PDB file of N, CA and C in Angstrom:
ATOM      1  N   MET A   1       2.200  27.322  49.697  1.00  0.00           N
ATOM      2  CA  MET A   1       2.694  26.630  48.458  1.00  0.00           C
ATOM      3  C   MET A   1       3.239  25.092  48.789  1.00  0.00           C
ATOM      4  N   GLY A   2       2.847  24.141  48.754  1.00  0.00           N
ATOM      5  CA  GLY A   2       3.416  23.347  49.314  1.00  0.00           C
ATOM      6  C   GLY A   2       4.283  22.240  48.345  1.00  0.00           C
ATOM      7  N   TYR A   3       5.214  21.563  49.084  1.00  0.00           N
ATOM      8  CA  TYR A   3       6.016  20.486  47.817  1.00  0.00           C
ATOM      9  C   TYR A   3       4.815  19.703  47.252  1.00  0.00           C
ATOM     10  N   MET A   4       5.264  19.755  46.136  1.00  0.00           N
ATOM     11  CA  MET A   4       4.935  18.502  44.912  1.00  0.00           C
ATOM     12  C   MET A   4       5.737  17.740  44.198  1.00  0.00           C
ATOM     13  N   SER A   5       5.918  16.334  44.544  1.00  0.00           N
ATOM     14  CA  SER A   5       6.921  15.228  43.402  1.00  0.00           C
ATOM     15  C   SER A   5       6.530  15.414  41.975  1.00  0.00           C
ATOM     16  N   ALA A   6       7.279  14.790  41.745  1.00  0.00           N
ATOM     17  CA  ALA A   6       7.572  14.802  39.882  1.00  0.00           C
ATOM     18  C   ALA A   6       6.532  13.833  39.901  1.00  0.00           C
ATOM     19  N   ALA A   7       6.267  12.543  40.341  1.00  0.00           N
ATOM     20  CA  ALA A   7       5.213  11.760  39.940  1.00  0.00           C
ATOM     21  C   ALA A   7       3.924  12.412  40.193  1.00  0.00           C
ATOM     22  N   ALA A   8       3.174  13.281  41.347  1.00  0.00           N
ATOM     23  CA  ALA A   8       2.476  13.768  41.910  1.00  0.00           C
ATOM     24  C   ALA A   8       2.419  15.583  40.811  1.00  0.00           C
ATOM     25  N   LYS A   9       2.654  15.883  39.915  1.00  0.00           N
ATOM     26  CA  LYS A   9       2.712  16.966  39.328  1.00  0.00           C
ATOM     27  C   LYS A   9       2.243  15.970  37.545  1.00  0.00           C
ATOM     28  N   VAL A  10       2.460  14.963  37.431  1.00  0.00           N
ATOM     29  CA  VAL A  10       2.165  14.128  36.442  1.00  0.00           C
ATOM     30  C   VAL A  10       0.672  13.472  36.726  1.00  0.00           C
ATOM     31  N   LEU A  11       0.350  13.469  37.504  1.00  0.00           N
ATOM     32  CA  LEU A  11      -0.963  12.747  37.639  1.00  0.00           C
ATOM     33  C   LEU A  11      -1.329  13.460  37.978  1.00  0.00           C
ATOM     34  N   ASN A  12      -1.926  14.981  38.733  1.00  0.00           N
ATOM     35  CA  ASN A  12      -2.356  16.499  38.414  1.00  0.00           C
ATOM     36  C   ASN A  12      -3.024  17.017  36.811  1.00  0.00           C
ATOM     37  N   MET A  13      -1.380  16.879  36.226  1.00  0.00           N
ATOM     38  CA  MET A  13      -1.827  17.683  34.796  1.00  0.00           C
ATOM     39  C   MET A  13      -2.927  16.051  33.881  1.00  0.00           C
ATOM     40  N   GLN A  14      -3.368  14.718  33.850  1.00  0.00           N
ATOM     41  CA  GLN A  14      -3.613  13.882  32.949  1.00  0.00           C
ATOM     42  C   GLN A  14      -4.878  14.191  33.134  1.00  0.00           C
ATOM     43  N   PRO A  15      -6.040  14.096  32.306  1.00  0.00           N
ATOM     44  CA  PRO A  15      -7.233  15.068  33.032  1.00  0.00           C
ATOM     45  C   PRO A  15      -7.828  13.539  33.640  1.00  0.00           C
ATOM     46  N   LYS A  16      -8.773  14.015  34.053  1.00  0.00           N
ATOM     47  CA  LYS A  16      -9.651  12.380  35.126  1.00  0.00           C
ATOM     48  C   LYS A  16     -10.874  12.289  34.018  1.00  0.00           C
ATOM     49  N   GLU A  17     -10.896  11.230  34.243  1.00  0.00           N
ATOM     50  CA  GLU A  17     -11.901  10.528  32.702  1.00  0.00           C
ATOM     51  C   GLU A  17     -12.985  10.930  32.912  1.00  0.00           C
ATOM     52  N   ASN A  18     -13.943  11.134  33.935  1.00  0.00           N
ATOM     53  CA  ASN A  18     -15.188  11.978  34.414  1.00  0.00           C
ATOM     54  C   ASN A  18     -15.397  12.990  34.763  1.00  0.00           C
ATOM     55  N   SER A  19     -14.576  13.675  34.252  1.00  0.00           N
ATOM     56  CA  SER A  19     -14.476  15.161  34.637  1.00  0.00           C
ATOM     57  C   SER A  19     -15.126  15.439  33.156  1.00  0.00           C
ATOM     58  N   LYS A  20     -16.302  16.447  33.895  1.00  0.00           N
ATOM     59  CA  LYS A  20     -17.319  17.344  33.095  1.00  0.00           C
ATOM     60  C   LYS A  20     -16.678  17.995  31.580  1.00  0.00           C
ATOM     61  N   SER A  21     -15.497  18.404  31.583  1.00  0.00           N
ATOM     62  CA  SER A  21     -14.653  19.319  30.350  1.00  0.00           C
ATOM     63  C   SER A  21     -13.994  18.330  30.250  1.00  0.00           C
ATOM     64  N   HIS A  22     -13.430  17.022  30.517  1.00  0.00           N
ATOM     65  CA  HIS A  22     -12.967  15.755  29.999  1.00  0.00           C
ATOM     66  C   HIS A  22     -14.211  15.246  28.455  1.00  0.00           C
ATOM     67  N   LYS A  23     -15.077  14.982  28.773  1.00  0.00           N
ATOM     68  CA  LYS A  23     -16.268  15.477  28.524  1.00  0.00           C
ATOM     69  C   LYS A  23     -16.746  16.331  26.960  1.00  0.00           C
ATOM     70  N   GLU A  24     -16.694  16.883  27.684  1.00  0.00           N
ATOM     71  CA  GLU A  24     -17.246  18.015  26.724  1.00  0.00           C
ATOM     72  C   GLU A  24     -16.104  18.018  25.268  1.00  0.00           C
ATOM     73  N   LYS A  25     -14.536  17.753  25.688  1.00  0.00           N
ATOM     74  CA  LYS A  25     -13.302  17.782  24.993  1.00  0.00           C
ATOM     75  C   LYS A  25     -13.456  16.481  24.162  1.00  0.00           C
ATOM     76  N   GLU A  26     -13.681  15.501  24.709  1.00  0.00           N
ATOM     77  CA  GLU A  26     -14.214  14.542  24.299  1.00  0.00           C
ATOM     78  C   GLU A  26     -14.974  14.629  22.972  1.00  0.00           C
ATOM     79  N   ALA A  27     -16.190  15.127  23.345  1.00  0.00           N
ATOM     80  CA  ALA A  27     -16.881  14.959  22.503  1.00  0.00           C
ATOM     81  C   ALA A  27     -17.028  15.696  20.983  1.00  0.00           C
ATOM     82  N   LYS A  28     -16.294  17.519  21.576  1.00  0.00           N
ATOM     83  CA  LYS A  28     -15.877  18.081  20.378  1.00  0.00           C
ATOM     84  C   LYS A  28     -14.510  17.205  19.232  1.00  0.00           C
ATOM     85  N   ARG A  29     -14.011  16.640  19.426  1.00  0.00           N
ATOM     86  CA  ARG A  29     -13.126  15.881  19.069  1.00  0.00           C
ATOM     87  C   ARG A  29     -14.039  14.947  18.513  1.00  0.00           C
ATOM     88  N   GLN A  30     -14.944  14.872  18.770  1.00  0.00           N
ATOM     89  CA  GLN A  30     -15.127  13.229  18.465  1.00  0.00           C
ATOM     90  C   GLN A  30     -16.185  13.965  17.018  1.00  0.00           C
ATOM     91  N   ALA A  31     -16.766  15.339  17.203  1.00  0.00           N
ATOM     92  CA  ALA A  31     -17.400  15.749  16.503  1.00  0.00           C
ATOM     93  C   ALA A  31     -16.858  16.691  15.232  1.00  0.00           C
ATOM     94  N   MET A  32     -15.479  16.573  15.430  1.00  0.00           N
ATOM     95  CA  MET A  32     -14.767  17.370  14.238  1.00  0.00           C
ATOM     96  C   MET A  32     -13.763  15.760  13.595  1.00  0.00           C
ATOM     97  N   MET A  33     -14.400  15.475  13.411  1.00  0.00           N
ATOM     98  CA  MET A  33     -13.242  14.211  12.936  1.00  0.00           C
ATOM     99  C   MET A  33     -13.972  14.194  11.695  1.00  0.00           C
ATOM    100  N   SER A  34     -12.639  14.372  10.901  1.00  0.00           N
ATOM    101  CA  SER A  34     -12.914  14.005   9.644  1.00  0.00           C
ATOM    102  C   SER A  34     -13.277  13.123   8.737  1.00  0.00           C
ATOM    103  N   LYS A  35     -14.095  13.324   7.933  1.00  0.00           N
ATOM    104  CA  LYS A  35     -14.538  11.805   6.625  1.00  0.00           C
ATOM    105  C   LYS A  35     -13.389  11.950   5.886  1.00  0.00           C
ATOM    106  N   ARG A  36     -12.929  10.973   5.295  1.00  0.00           N
ATOM    107  CA  ARG A  36     -11.294  10.330   3.980  1.00  0.00           C
ATOM    108  C   ARG A  36     -12.921  10.202   2.762  1.00  0.00           C
ATOM    109  N   ILE A  37     -12.199  11.406   1.764  1.00  0.00           N
ATOM    110  CA  ILE A  37     -12.948  11.776   0.374  1.00  0.00           C
ATOM    111  C   ILE A  37     -12.320  11.012  -0.524  1.00  0.00           C
ATOM    112  N   VAL A  38     -13.040   9.541  -0.802  1.00  0.00           N
ATOM    113  CA  VAL A  38     -12.539   9.249  -1.854  1.00  0.00           C
ATOM    114  C   VAL A  38     -13.454   9.323  -2.989  1.00  0.00           C
ATOM    115  N   CYS A  39     -12.535   8.687  -4.443  1.00  0.00           N
ATOM    116  CA  CYS A  39     -13.120   8.608  -5.909  1.00  0.00           C
ATOM    117  C   CYS A  39     -14.524   7.957  -5.108  1.00  0.00           C
ATOM    118  N   GLU A  40     -15.731   8.220  -6.040  1.00  0.00           N
ATOM    119  CA  GLU A  40     -16.940   7.130  -5.831  1.00  0.00           C
ATOM    120  C   GLU A  40     -17.228   6.753  -6.821  1.00  0.00           C
ATOM    121  N   LYS A  41     -16.403   6.172  -7.560  1.00  0.00           N
ATOM    122  CA  LYS A  41     -16.406   5.219  -9.063  1.00  0.00           C
ATOM    123  C   LYS A  41     -15.523   3.787  -8.275  1.00  0.00           C
ATOM    124  N   CYS A  42     -14.419   4.451  -8.259  1.00  0.00           N
ATOM    125  CA  CYS A  42     -13.051   3.633  -7.924  1.00  0.00           C
ATOM    126  C   CYS A  42     -12.228   3.791  -6.717  1.00  0.00           C
ATOM    127  N   GLY A  43     -12.871   4.659  -5.878  1.00  0.00           N
ATOM    128  CA  GLY A  43     -12.555   4.559  -4.488  1.00  0.00           C
ATOM    129  C   GLY A  43     -11.239   5.219  -4.279  1.00  0.00           C
ATOM    130  N   LYS A  44     -10.287   5.546  -5.239  1.00  0.00           N
ATOM    131  CA  LYS A  44      -9.208   6.005  -5.037  1.00  0.00           C
ATOM    132  C   LYS A  44      -9.304   6.880  -4.815  1.00  0.00           C
ATOM    133  N   SER A  45      -7.757   7.280  -3.497  1.00  0.00           N
ATOM    134  CA  SER A  45      -8.042   8.886  -2.629  1.00  0.00           C
ATOM    135  C   SER A  45      -6.346   9.720  -2.428  1.00  0.00           C
ATOM    136  N   ASN A  46      -5.811   9.679  -3.099  1.00  0.00           N
ATOM    137  CA  ASN A  46      -4.309   9.600  -3.100  1.00  0.00           C
ATOM    138  C   ASN A  46      -3.857  10.135  -4.675  1.00  0.00           C
ATOM    139  N   VAL A  47      -5.261  10.714  -5.220  1.00  0.00           N
ATOM    140  CA  VAL A  47      -5.540  11.157  -6.380  1.00  0.00           C
ATOM    141  C   VAL A  47      -5.663  12.378  -6.125  1.00  0.00           C
ATOM    142  N   THR A  48      -6.134  13.481  -7.162  1.00  0.00           N
ATOM    143  CA  THR A  48      -6.688  15.214  -7.237  1.00  0.00           C
ATOM    144  C   THR A  48      -8.195  14.166  -7.371  1.00  0.00           C
ATOM    145  N   LEU A  49      -9.328  14.711  -7.025  1.00  0.00           N
ATOM    146  CA  LEU A  49     -10.179  14.808  -6.553  1.00  0.00           C
ATOM    147  C   LEU A  49     -11.092  15.643  -7.160  1.00  0.00           C
ATOM    148  N   TYR A  50     -11.891  15.848  -7.798  1.00  0.00           N
ATOM    149  CA  TYR A  50     -12.849  16.798  -8.433  1.00  0.00           C
ATOM    150  C   TYR A  50     -14.115  17.137  -7.579  1.00  0.00           C
ATOM    151  N   ASN A  51     -14.723  17.569  -7.502  1.00  0.00           N
ATOM    152  CA  ASN A  51     -16.312  17.958  -6.645  1.00  0.00           C
ATOM    153  C   ASN A  51     -16.857  18.541  -7.844  1.00  0.00           C
ATOM    154  N   ILE A  52     -17.589  17.842  -8.470  1.00  0.00           N
ATOM    155  CA  ILE A  52     -18.668  18.103  -9.153  1.00  0.00           C
ATOM    156  C   ILE A  52     -19.998  17.525  -8.945  1.00  0.00           C
ATOM    157  N   GLN A  53     -21.115  18.746  -8.956  1.00  0.00           N
ATOM    158  CA  GLN A  53     -22.344  18.620  -7.980  1.00  0.00           C
ATOM    159  C   GLN A  53     -22.282  17.627  -6.518  1.00  0.00           C
ATOM    160  N   ASN A  54     -21.355  18.475  -5.801  1.00  0.00           N
ATOM    161  CA  ASN A  54     -20.947  17.502  -4.310  1.00  0.00           C
ATOM    162  C   ASN A  54     -20.752  15.870  -4.625  1.00  0.00           C
ATOM    163  N   HIS A  55     -20.074  15.472  -5.529  1.00  0.00           N
ATOM    164  CA  HIS A  55     -19.711  14.429  -5.838  1.00  0.00           C
ATOM    165  C   HIS A  55     -18.269  14.244  -6.431  1.00  0.00           C
ATOM    166  N   TYR A  56     -17.410  13.334  -5.428  1.00  0.00           N
ATOM    167  CA  TYR A  56     -16.157  13.738  -5.799  1.00  0.00           C
ATOM    168  C   TYR A  56     -15.290  12.334  -6.540  1.00  0.00           C
ATOM    169  N   TYR A  57     -15.008  12.961  -7.590  1.00  0.00           N
ATOM    170  CA  TYR A  57     -14.264  11.804  -8.925  1.00  0.00           C
ATOM    171  C   TYR A  57     -13.210  11.957  -9.203  1.00  0.00           C
ATOM    172  N   CYS A  58     -11.905  11.202  -9.182  1.00  0.00           N
ATOM    173  CA  CYS A  58     -10.630  11.408 -10.055  1.00  0.00           C
ATOM    174  C   CYS A  58     -10.658  11.458 -11.546  1.00  0.00           C
ATOM    175  N   LYS A  59      -9.750  12.114 -11.869  1.00  0.00           N
ATOM    176  CA  LYS A  59      -9.526  12.031 -13.438  1.00  0.00           C
ATOM    177  C   LYS A  59      -9.797  11.110 -14.523  1.00  0.00           C
ATOM    178  N   ASP A  60      -9.770  10.344 -13.926  1.00  0.00           N
ATOM    179  CA  ASP A  60     -10.059   8.936 -14.660  1.00  0.00           C
ATOM    180  C   ASP A  60     -11.311   8.739 -14.765  1.00  0.00           C
ATOM    181  N   CYS A  61     -12.203   9.143 -13.747  1.00  0.00           N
ATOM    182  CA  CYS A  61     -13.847   8.811 -13.420  1.00  0.00           C
ATOM    183  C   CYS A  61     -14.707   9.849 -14.170  1.00  0.00           C
ATOM    184  N   LYS A  62     -13.655  11.268 -14.413  1.00  0.00           N
ATOM    185  CA  LYS A  62     -14.389  12.541 -14.320  1.00  0.00           C
ATOM    186  C   LYS A  62     -14.744  12.020 -15.547  1.00  0.00           C
TER     187      LYS A  62
END
Protein backbone atom coordinates (compact mmCIF):
# COMPACT_ATOMS: atom_id res chain seq x y z
CA MET A 1 0.00 0.00 0.00
CA GLY A 2 1.29 3.39 -0.95
CA TYR A 3 0.97 6.74 0.66
CA MET A 4 -1.81 9.01 -0.72
CA SER A 5 -2.19 12.66 0.10
CA ALA A 6 -5.58 14.05 1.08
CA ALA A 7 -5.86 15.83 -2.28
CA ALA A 8 -5.18 12.60 -4.17
CA LYS A 9 -7.88 10.79 -2.17
CA VAL A 10 -10.43 13.47 -3.04
CA LEU A 11 -9.55 13.31 -6.74
CA ASN A 12 -9.74 9.49 -6.71
CA MET A 13 -13.22 9.53 -5.16
CA GLN A 14 -14.71 11.84 -7.79
CA PRO A 15 -16.44 10.09 -10.71
CA LYS A 16 -14.73 10.35 -14.07
CA GLU A 17 -16.89 12.26 -16.56
CA ASN A 18 -16.66 9.83 -19.46
CA SER A 19 -16.65 6.55 -17.55
CA LYS A 20 -19.23 3.95 -18.50
CA SER A 21 -20.66 3.64 -14.98
CA HIS A 22 -20.95 7.43 -14.62
CA LYS A 23 -22.90 7.65 -17.89
CA GLU A 24 -25.21 4.80 -16.79
CA LYS A 25 -25.89 6.43 -13.41
CA GLU A 26 -26.62 9.77 -15.08
CA ALA A 27 -29.04 8.10 -17.52
CA LYS A 28 -30.85 6.39 -14.62
CA ARG A 29 -31.05 9.68 -12.71
CA GLN A 30 -32.52 11.46 -15.73
CA ALA A 31 -35.07 8.65 -16.21
CA MET A 32 -36.17 8.90 -12.56
CA MET A 33 -36.72 12.66 -12.63
CA SER A 34 -40.24 13.28 -11.43
CA LYS A 35 -42.76 15.40 -13.25
CA ARG A 36 -44.39 18.19 -11.27
CA ILE A 37 -48.10 17.50 -10.90
CA VAL A 38 -50.40 20.53 -10.99
CA CYS A 39 -54.13 21.16 -11.37
CA GLU A 40 -55.01 20.91 -15.04
CA LYS A 41 -57.46 23.82 -14.94
CA CYS A 42 -55.84 26.46 -12.72
CA GLY A 43 -52.24 25.24 -12.42
CA LYS A 44 -52.06 25.20 -8.60
CA SER A 45 -49.57 22.77 -7.13
CA ASN A 46 -49.45 23.60 -3.41
CA VAL A 47 -52.99 22.31 -2.68
CA THR A 48 -54.50 18.84 -2.37
CA LEU A 49 -54.98 17.39 -5.83
CA TYR A 50 -57.58 14.78 -6.72
CA ASN A 51 -57.01 12.21 -9.45
CA ILE A 52 -60.14 11.91 -11.58
CA GLN A 53 -59.71 9.55 -14.53
CA ASN A 54 -55.95 10.17 -14.70
CA HIS A 55 -56.41 13.96 -14.63
CA TYR A 56 -55.46 16.01 -11.57
CA TYR A 57 -57.78 18.72 -10.25
CA CYS A 58 -57.79 20.83 -7.07
CA LYS A 59 -60.75 21.15 -4.72
CA ASP A 60 -62.05 24.31 -6.43
CA CYS A 61 -61.84 22.97 -9.99
CA LYS A 62 -63.14 19.50 -9.19
